[in-house]
Amino acid sequence: MLSSESGPLELFAKMRKQIPAQSNQGKGVRCFNCWSVWLAGGVVIFGLYFSELAWPVLSLFAVSGVAMVINKVAK
């Protein structure tokens, strides 16, 4: 949703318009895989704070990978 849809009140579209599309940040904001890695990092940090995760780095890539697979299947 963050990388390609307009979102509520077009907030996500406005956010993407603020960043030039050809810059590295612009490419990252428009990339689903990039968002999945950053959001997975947030999920892992949340999990570390509220529970004990044995493999936080592997969990980061696992959550991100699941999001990428779901995105590919949903298209």
PDB file of N, CA and C in Angstrom:
ATOM      1  N   MET A   1       0.824  -1.177   0.000  1.00  0.00           N
ATOM      2  CA  MET A   1       0.000   0.000   0.000  1.00  0.00           C
ATOM      3  C   MET A   1       0.878   1.255   0.000  1.00  0.00           C
ATOM      4  N   LEU A   2       1.934   1.238   0.782  1.00  0.00           N
ATOM      5  CA  LEU A   2       2.801   2.411   0.876  1.00  0.00           C
ATOM      6  C   LEU A   2       3.544   2.694  -0.421  1.00  0.00           C
ATOM      7  N   SER A   3       3.860   1.648  -1.175  1.00  0.00           N
ATOM      8  CA  SER A   3       4.696   1.839  -2.362  1.00  0.00           C
ATOM      9  C   SER A   3       3.923   2.145  -3.634  1.00  0.00           C
ATOM     10  N   SER A   4       2.623   1.799  -3.694  1.00  0.00           N
ATOM     11  CA  SER A   4       1.952   1.963  -4.982  1.00  0.00           C
ATOM     12  C   SER A   4       0.536   2.524  -4.924  1.00  0.00           C
ATOM     13  N   GLU A   5      -0.131   2.488  -3.789  1.00  0.00           N
ATOM     14  CA  GLU A   5      -1.504   2.969  -3.722  1.00  0.00           C
ATOM     15  C   GLU A   5      -1.554   4.386  -3.167  1.00  0.00           C
ATOM     16  N   SER A   6      -2.672   5.049  -3.376  1.00  0.00           N
ATOM     17  CA  SER A   6      -2.784   6.441  -2.928  1.00  0.00           C
ATOM     18  C   SER A   6      -3.054   6.546  -1.435  1.00  0.00           C
ATOM     19  N   GLY A   7      -3.723   5.548  -0.847  1.00  0.00           N
ATOM     20  CA  GLY A   7      -3.951   5.547   0.588  1.00  0.00           C
ATOM     21  C   GLY A   7      -5.084   6.460   1.024  1.00  0.00           C
ATOM     22  N   PRO A   8      -5.366   6.482   2.324  1.00  0.00           N
ATOM     23  CA  PRO A   8      -6.434   7.339   2.819  1.00  0.00           C
ATOM     24  C   PRO A   8      -6.078   8.810   2.641  1.00  0.00           C
ATOM     25  N   LEU A   9      -7.029   9.558   2.095  1.00  0.00           N
ATOM     26  CA  LEU A   9      -6.842  10.984   1.823  1.00  0.00           C
ATOM     27  C   LEU A   9      -5.621  11.244   0.934  1.00  0.00           C
ATOM     28  N   GLU A  10      -5.235  10.226   0.150  1.00  0.00           N
ATOM     29  CA  GLU A  10      -4.089  10.292  -0.762  1.00  0.00           C
ATOM     30  C   GLU A  10      -2.786  10.657  -0.051  1.00  0.00           C
ATOM     31  N   LEU A  11      -2.650  10.249   1.204  1.00  0.00           N
ATOM     32  CA  LEU A  11      -1.445  10.559   1.974  1.00  0.00           C
ATOM     33  C   LEU A  11      -0.205   9.894   1.398  1.00  0.00           C
ATOM     34  N   PHE A  12      -0.333   8.638   0.984  1.00  0.00           N
ATOM     35  CA  PHE A  12       0.831   7.919   0.458  1.00  0.00           C
ATOM     36  C   PHE A  12       1.256   8.495  -0.890  1.00  0.00           C
ATOM     37  N   ALA A  13       0.284   8.852  -1.723  1.00  0.00           N
ATOM     38  CA  ALA A  13       0.606   9.459  -3.019  1.00  0.00           C
ATOM     39  C   ALA A  13       1.294  10.812  -2.822  1.00  0.00           C
ATOM     40  N   LYS A  14       0.826  11.587  -1.872  1.00  0.00           N
ATOM     41  CA  LYS A  14       1.453  12.889  -1.589  1.00  0.00           C
ATOM     42  C   LYS A  14       2.878  12.710  -1.083  1.00  0.00           C
ATOM     43  N   MET A  15       3.076  11.683  -0.254  1.00  0.00           N
ATOM     44  CA  MET A  15       4.408  11.402   0.269  1.00  0.00           C
ATOM     45  C   MET A  15       5.364  11.051  -0.875  1.00  0.00           C
ATOM     46  N   ARG A  16       4.894  10.195  -1.796  1.00  0.00           N
ATOM     47  CA  ARG A  16       5.745   9.797  -2.916  1.00  0.00           C
ATOM     48  C   ARG A  16       6.040  10.968  -3.849  1.00  0.00           C
ATOM     49  N   LYS A  17       5.090  11.889  -4.007  1.00  0.00           N
ATOM     50  CA  LYS A  17       5.311  13.049  -4.882  1.00  0.00           C
ATOM     51  C   LYS A  17       6.370  13.996  -4.322  1.00  0.00           C
ATOM     52  N   GLN A  18       6.560  13.998  -3.016  1.00  0.00           N
ATOM     53  CA  GLN A  18       7.539  14.881  -2.388  1.00  0.00           C
ATOM     54  C   GLN A  18       8.975  14.458  -2.668  1.00  0.00           C
ATOM     55  N   ILE A  19       9.172  13.191  -3.023  1.00  0.00           N
ATOM     56  CA  ILE A  19      10.518  12.654  -3.234  1.00  0.00           C
ATOM     57  C   ILE A  19      10.707  12.396  -4.733  1.00  0.00           C
ATOM     58  N   PRO A  20      11.745  12.963  -5.352  1.00  0.00           N
ATOM     59  CA  PRO A  20      11.967  12.742  -6.791  1.00  0.00           C
ATOM     60  C   PRO A  20      12.107  11.253  -7.124  1.00  0.00           C
ATOM     61  N   ALA A  21      11.423  10.819  -8.178  1.00  0.00           N
ATOM     62  CA  ALA A  21      11.381   9.397  -8.531  1.00  0.00           C
ATOM     63  C   ALA A  21      12.738   8.840  -8.928  1.00  0.00           C
ATOM     64  N   GLN A  22      13.638   9.646  -9.476  1.00  0.00           N
ATOM     65  CA  GLN A  22      14.923   9.142  -9.958  1.00  0.00           C
ATOM     66  C   GLN A  22      15.999   9.084  -8.876  1.00  0.00           C
ATOM     67  N   SER A  23      15.722   9.651  -7.702  1.00  0.00           N
ATOM     68  CA  SER A  23      16.710   9.596  -6.620  1.00  0.00           C
ATOM     69  C   SER A  23      16.673   8.214  -5.955  1.00  0.00           C
ATOM     70  N   ASN A  24      17.711   7.888  -5.196  1.00  0.00           N
ATOM     71  CA  ASN A  24      17.734   6.607  -4.475  1.00  0.00           C
ATOM     72  C   ASN A  24      16.578   6.502  -3.493  1.00  0.00           C
ATOM     73  N   GLN A  25      16.274   7.595  -2.794  1.00  0.00           N
ATOM     74  CA  GLN A  25      15.164   7.586  -1.852  1.00  0.00           C
ATOM     75  C   GLN A  25      13.836   7.398  -2.589  1.00  0.00           C
ATOM     76  N   GLY A  26      13.703   8.028  -3.739  1.00  0.00           N
ATOM     77  CA  GLY A  26      12.483   7.899  -4.526  1.00  0.00           C
ATOM     78  C   GLY A  26      12.273   6.486  -5.030  1.00  0.00           C
ATOM     79  N   LYS A  27      13.356   5.865  -5.463  1.00  0.00           N
ATOM     80  CA  LYS A  27      13.260   4.468  -5.907  1.00  0.00           C
ATOM     81  C   LYS A  27      12.895   3.563  -4.736  1.00  0.00           C
ATOM     82  N   GLY A  28      13.459   3.835  -3.560  1.00  0.00           N
ATOM     83  CA  GLY A  28      13.164   3.032  -2.380  1.00  0.00           C
ATOM     84  C   GLY A  28      11.734   3.185  -1.899  1.00  0.00           C
ATOM     85  N   VAL A  29      11.194   4.385  -1.999  1.00  0.00           N
ATOM     86  CA  VAL A  29       9.817   4.640  -1.554  1.00  0.00           C
ATOM     87  C   VAL A  29       8.816   3.966  -2.484  1.00  0.00           C
ATOM     88  N   ARG A  30       9.174   3.776  -3.741  1.00  0.00           N
ATOM     89  CA  ARG A  30       8.276   3.178  -4.722  1.00  0.00           C
ATOM     90  C   ARG A  30       8.496   1.670  -4.889  1.00  0.00           C
ATOM     91  N   CYS A  31       9.369   1.087  -4.107  1.00  0.00           N
ATOM     92  CA  CYS A  31       9.740  -0.325  -4.233  1.00  0.00           C
ATOM     93  C   CYS A  31       9.082  -1.146  -3.120  1.00  0.00           C
ATOM     94  N   PHE A  32       8.235  -2.113  -3.516  1.00  0.00           N
ATOM     95  CA  PHE A  32       7.565  -2.947  -2.512  1.00  0.00           C
ATOM     96  C   PHE A  32       8.566  -3.752  -1.698  1.00  0.00           C
ATOM     97  N   ASN A  33       9.572  -4.313  -2.364  1.00  0.00           N
ATOM     98  CA  ASN A  33      10.550  -5.139  -1.653  1.00  0.00           C
ATOM     99  C   ASN A  33      11.317  -4.328  -0.617  1.00  0.00           C
ATOM    100  N   CYS A  34      11.632  -3.066  -0.936  1.00  0.00           N
ATOM    101  CA  CYS A  34      12.318  -2.201   0.029  1.00  0.00           C
ATOM    102  C   CYS A  34      11.444  -1.948   1.252  1.00  0.00           C
ATOM    103  N   TRP A  35      10.177  -1.643   1.004  1.00  0.00           N
ATOM    104  CA  TRP A  35       9.252  -1.417   2.120  1.00  0.00           C
ATOM    105  C   TRP A  35       9.116  -2.662   2.980  1.00  0.00           C
ATOM    106  N   SER A  36       9.083  -3.840   2.341  1.00  0.00           N
ATOM    107  CA  SER A  36       8.899  -5.055   3.122  1.00  0.00           C
ATOM    108  C   SER A  36      10.077  -5.296   4.061  1.00  0.00           C
ATOM    109  N   VAL A  37      11.285  -4.962   3.619  1.00  0.00           N
ATOM    110  CA  VAL A  37      12.457  -5.136   4.488  1.00  0.00           C
ATOM    111  C   VAL A  37      12.381  -4.167   5.669  1.00  0.00           C
ATOM    112  N   TRP A  38      12.068  -2.887   5.416  1.00  0.00           N
ATOM    113  CA  TRP A  38      11.998  -1.902   6.493  1.00  0.00           C
ATOM    114  C   TRP A  38      10.868  -2.209   7.470  1.00  0.00           C
ATOM    115  N   LEU A  39       9.706  -2.603   6.964  1.00  0.00           N
ATOM    116  CA  LEU A  39       8.595  -2.927   7.860  1.00  0.00           C
ATOM    117  C   LEU A  39       8.861  -4.214   8.630  1.00  0.00           C
ATOM    118  N   ALA A  40       9.526  -5.178   7.982  1.00  0.00           N
ATOM    119  CA  ALA A  40       9.901  -6.403   8.692  1.00  0.00           C
ATOM    120  C   ALA A  40      10.875  -6.079   9.817  1.00  0.00           C
ATOM    121  N   GLY A  41      11.776  -5.134   9.579  1.00  0.00           N
ATOM    122  CA  GLY A  41      12.688  -4.704  10.646  1.00  0.00           C
ATOM    123  C   GLY A  41      11.929  -4.147  11.839  1.00  0.00           C
ATOM    124  N   GLY A  42      10.882  -3.376  11.567  1.00  0.00           N
ATOM    125  CA  GLY A  42      10.042  -2.852  12.646  1.00  0.00           C
ATOM    126  C   GLY A  42       9.339  -3.961  13.403  1.00  0.00           C
ATOM    127  N   VAL A  43       8.859  -4.976  12.681  1.00  0.00           N
ATOM    128  CA  VAL A  43       8.196  -6.116  13.327  1.00  0.00           C
ATOM    129  C   VAL A  43       9.183  -6.867  14.216  1.00  0.00           C
ATOM    130  N   VAL A  44      10.396  -7.068  13.728  1.00  0.00           N
ATOM    131  CA  VAL A  44      11.411  -7.779  14.510  1.00  0.00           C
ATOM    132  C   VAL A  44      11.795  -6.983  15.753  1.00  0.00           C
ATOM    133  N   ILE A  45      11.978  -5.670  15.620  1.00  0.00           N
ATOM    134  CA  ILE A  45      12.306  -4.844  16.784  1.00  0.00           C
ATOM    135  C   ILE A  45      11.173  -4.892  17.800  1.00  0.00           C
ATOM    136  N   PHE A  46       9.927  -4.833  17.317  1.00  0.00           N
ATOM    137  CA  PHE A  46       8.770  -4.956  18.208  1.00  0.00           C
ATOM    138  C   PHE A  46       8.796  -6.303  18.934  1.00  0.00           C
ATOM    139  N   GLY A  47       9.096  -7.370  18.173  1.00  0.00           N
ATOM    140  CA  GLY A  47       9.170  -8.702  18.771  1.00  0.00           C
ATOM    141  C   GLY A  47      10.298  -8.827  19.780  1.00  0.00           C
ATOM    142  N   LEU A  48      11.438  -8.187  19.514  1.00  0.00           N
ATOM    143  CA  LEU A  48      12.548  -8.219  20.461  1.00  0.00           C
ATOM    144  C   LEU A  48      12.194  -7.490  21.751  1.00  0.00           C
ATOM    145  N   TYR A  49      11.436  -6.424  21.615  1.00  0.00           N
ATOM    146  CA  TYR A  49      11.079  -5.634  22.791  1.00  0.00           C
ATOM    147  C   TYR A  49      10.079  -6.368  23.675  1.00  0.00           C
ATOM    148  N   PHE A  50       9.126  -7.065  23.063  1.00  0.00           N
ATOM    149  CA  PHE A  50       8.064  -7.696  23.835  1.00  0.00           C
ATOM    150  C   PHE A  50       8.239  -9.198  24.033  1.00  0.00           C
ATOM    151  N   SER A  51       9.198  -9.806  23.375  1.00  0.00           N
ATOM    152  CA  SER A  51       9.465 -11.230  23.581  1.00  0.00           C
ATOM    153  C   SER A  51      10.906 -11.522  23.187  1.00  0.00           C
ATOM    154  N   GLU A  52      11.316 -12.729  23.410  1.00  0.00           N
ATOM    155  CA  GLU A  52      12.683 -13.108  23.065  1.00  0.00           C
ATOM    156  C   GLU A  52      12.688 -13.838  21.721  1.00  0.00           C
ATOM    157  N   LEU A  53      13.370 -13.243  20.745  1.00  0.00           N
ATOM    158  CA  LEU A  53      13.557 -13.903  19.455  1.00  0.00           C
ATOM    159  C   LEU A  53      14.989 -14.411  19.381  1.00  0.00           C
ATOM    160  N   ALA A  54      15.153 -15.677  19.068  1.00  0.00           N
ATOM    161  CA  ALA A  54      16.483 -16.267  19.050  1.00  0.00           C
ATOM    162  C   ALA A  54      17.302 -15.783  17.855  1.00  0.00           C
ATOM    163  N   TRP A  55      16.678 -15.547  16.738  1.00  0.00           N
ATOM    164  CA  TRP A  55      17.391 -15.194  15.517  1.00  0.00           C
ATOM    165  C   TRP A  55      16.791 -13.925  14.906  1.00  0.00           C
ATOM    166  N   PRO A  56      17.058 -12.757  15.486  1.00  0.00           N
ATOM    167  CA  PRO A  56      16.412 -11.537  14.982  1.00  0.00           C
ATOM    168  C   PRO A  56      16.755 -11.203  13.543  1.00  0.00           C
ATOM    169  N   VAL A  57      17.975 -11.443  13.110  1.00  0.00           N
ATOM    170  CA  VAL A  57      18.344 -11.114  11.735  1.00  0.00           C
ATOM    171  C   VAL A  57      17.644 -12.047  10.759  1.00  0.00           C
ATOM    172  N   LEU A  58      17.614 -13.318  11.075  1.00  0.00           N
ATOM    173  CA  LEU A  58      16.909 -14.269  10.214  1.00  0.00           C
ATOM    174  C   LEU A  58      15.414 -13.996  10.210  1.00  0.00           C
ATOM    175  N   SER A  59      14.882 -13.565  11.327  1.00  0.00           N
ATOM    176  CA  SER A  59      13.466 -13.223  11.398  1.00  0.00           C
ATOM    177  C   SER A  59      13.156 -12.040  10.497  1.00  0.00           C
ATOM    178  N   LEU A  60      14.060 -11.081  10.448  1.00  0.00           N
ATOM    179  CA  LEU A  60      13.881  -9.924   9.567  1.00  0.00           C
ATOM    180  C   LEU A  60      13.701 -10.387   8.129  1.00  0.00           C
ATOM    181  N   PHE A  61      14.586 -11.232   7.655  1.00  0.00           N
ATOM    182  CA  PHE A  61      14.498 -11.696   6.273  1.00  0.00           C
ATOM    183  C   PHE A  61      13.320 -12.640   6.061  1.00  0.00           C
ATOM    184  N   ALA A  62      12.951 -13.392   7.082  1.00  0.00           N
ATOM    185  CA  ALA A  62      11.804 -14.292   6.950  1.00  0.00           C
ATOM    186  C   ALA A  62      10.506 -13.502   6.795  1.00  0.00           C
ATOM    187  N   VAL A  63      10.311 -12.499   7.624  1.00  0.00           N
ATOM    188  CA  VAL A  63       9.095 -11.688   7.530  1.00  0.00           C
ATOM    189  C   VAL A  63       9.060 -10.947   6.199  1.00  0.00           C
ATOM    190  N   SER A  64      10.184 -10.408   5.786  1.00  0.00           N
ATOM    191  CA  SER A  64      10.268  -9.710   4.511  1.00  0.00           C
ATOM    192  C   SER A  64      10.002 -10.672   3.348  1.00  0.00           C
ATOM    193  N   GLY A  65      10.571 -11.841   3.409  1.00  0.00           N
ATOM    194  CA  GLY A  65      10.367 -12.828   2.352  1.00  0.00           C
ATOM    195  C   GLY A  65       8.923 -13.270   2.233  1.00  0.00           C
ATOM    196  N   VAL A  66       8.266 -13.446   3.356  1.00  0.00           N
ATOM    197  CA  VAL A  66       6.848 -13.822   3.333  1.00  0.00           C
ATOM    198  C   VAL A  66       6.031 -12.706   2.685  1.00  0.00           C
ATOM    199  N   ALA A  67       6.335 -11.467   3.009  1.00  0.00           N
ATOM    200  CA  ALA A  67       5.621 -10.344   2.396  1.00  0.00           C
ATOM    201  C   ALA A  67       5.843 -10.317   0.891  1.00  0.00           C
ATOM    202  N   MET A  68       7.059 -10.601   0.438  1.00  0.00           N
ATOM    203  CA  MET A  68       7.338 -10.611  -0.995  1.00  0.00           C
ATOM    204  C   MET A  68       6.601 -11.727  -1.705  1.00  0.00           C
ATOM    205  N   VAL A  69       6.544 -12.896  -1.077  1.00  0.00           N
ATOM    206  CA  VAL A  69       5.824 -14.021  -1.684  1.00  0.00           C
ATOM    207  C   VAL A  69       4.329 -13.712  -1.774  1.00  0.00           C
ATOM    208  N   ILE A  70       3.761 -13.157  -0.720  1.00  0.00           N
ATOM    209  CA  ILE A  70       2.345 -12.789  -0.731  1.00  0.00           C
ATOM    210  C   ILE A  70       2.080 -11.759  -1.826  1.00  0.00           C
ATOM    211  N   ASN A  71       2.975 -10.804  -1.987  1.00  0.00           N
ATOM    212  CA  ASN A  71       2.811  -9.797  -3.034  1.00  0.00           C
ATOM    213  C   ASN A  71       2.835 -10.427  -4.413  1.00  0.00           C
ATOM    214  N   LYS A  72       3.746 -11.360  -4.653  1.00  0.00           N
ATOM    215  CA  LYS A  72       3.843 -12.018  -5.961  1.00  0.00           C
ATOM    216  C   LYS A  72       2.589 -12.857  -6.237  1.00  0.00           C
ATOM    217  N   VAL A  73       2.094 -13.574  -5.224  1.00  0.00           N
ATOM    218  CA  VAL A  73       0.926 -14.423  -5.395  1.00  0.00           C
ATOM    219  C   VAL A  73      -0.330 -13.587  -5.609  1.00  0.00           C
ATOM    220  N   ALA A  74      -0.426 -12.455  -4.914  1.00  0.00           N
ATOM    221  CA  ALA A  74      -1.616 -11.612  -4.992  1.00  0.00           C
ATOM    222  C   ALA A  74      -1.736 -10.895  -6.329  1.00  0.00           C
ATOM    223  N   LYS A  75      -0.636 -10.706  -7.042  1.00  0.00           N
ATOM    224  CA  LYS A  75      -0.699  -9.998  -8.327  1.00  0.00           C
ATOM    225  C   LYS A  75      -1.226 -10.870  -9.374  1.00  0.00           C
TER     226      LYS A  75
END
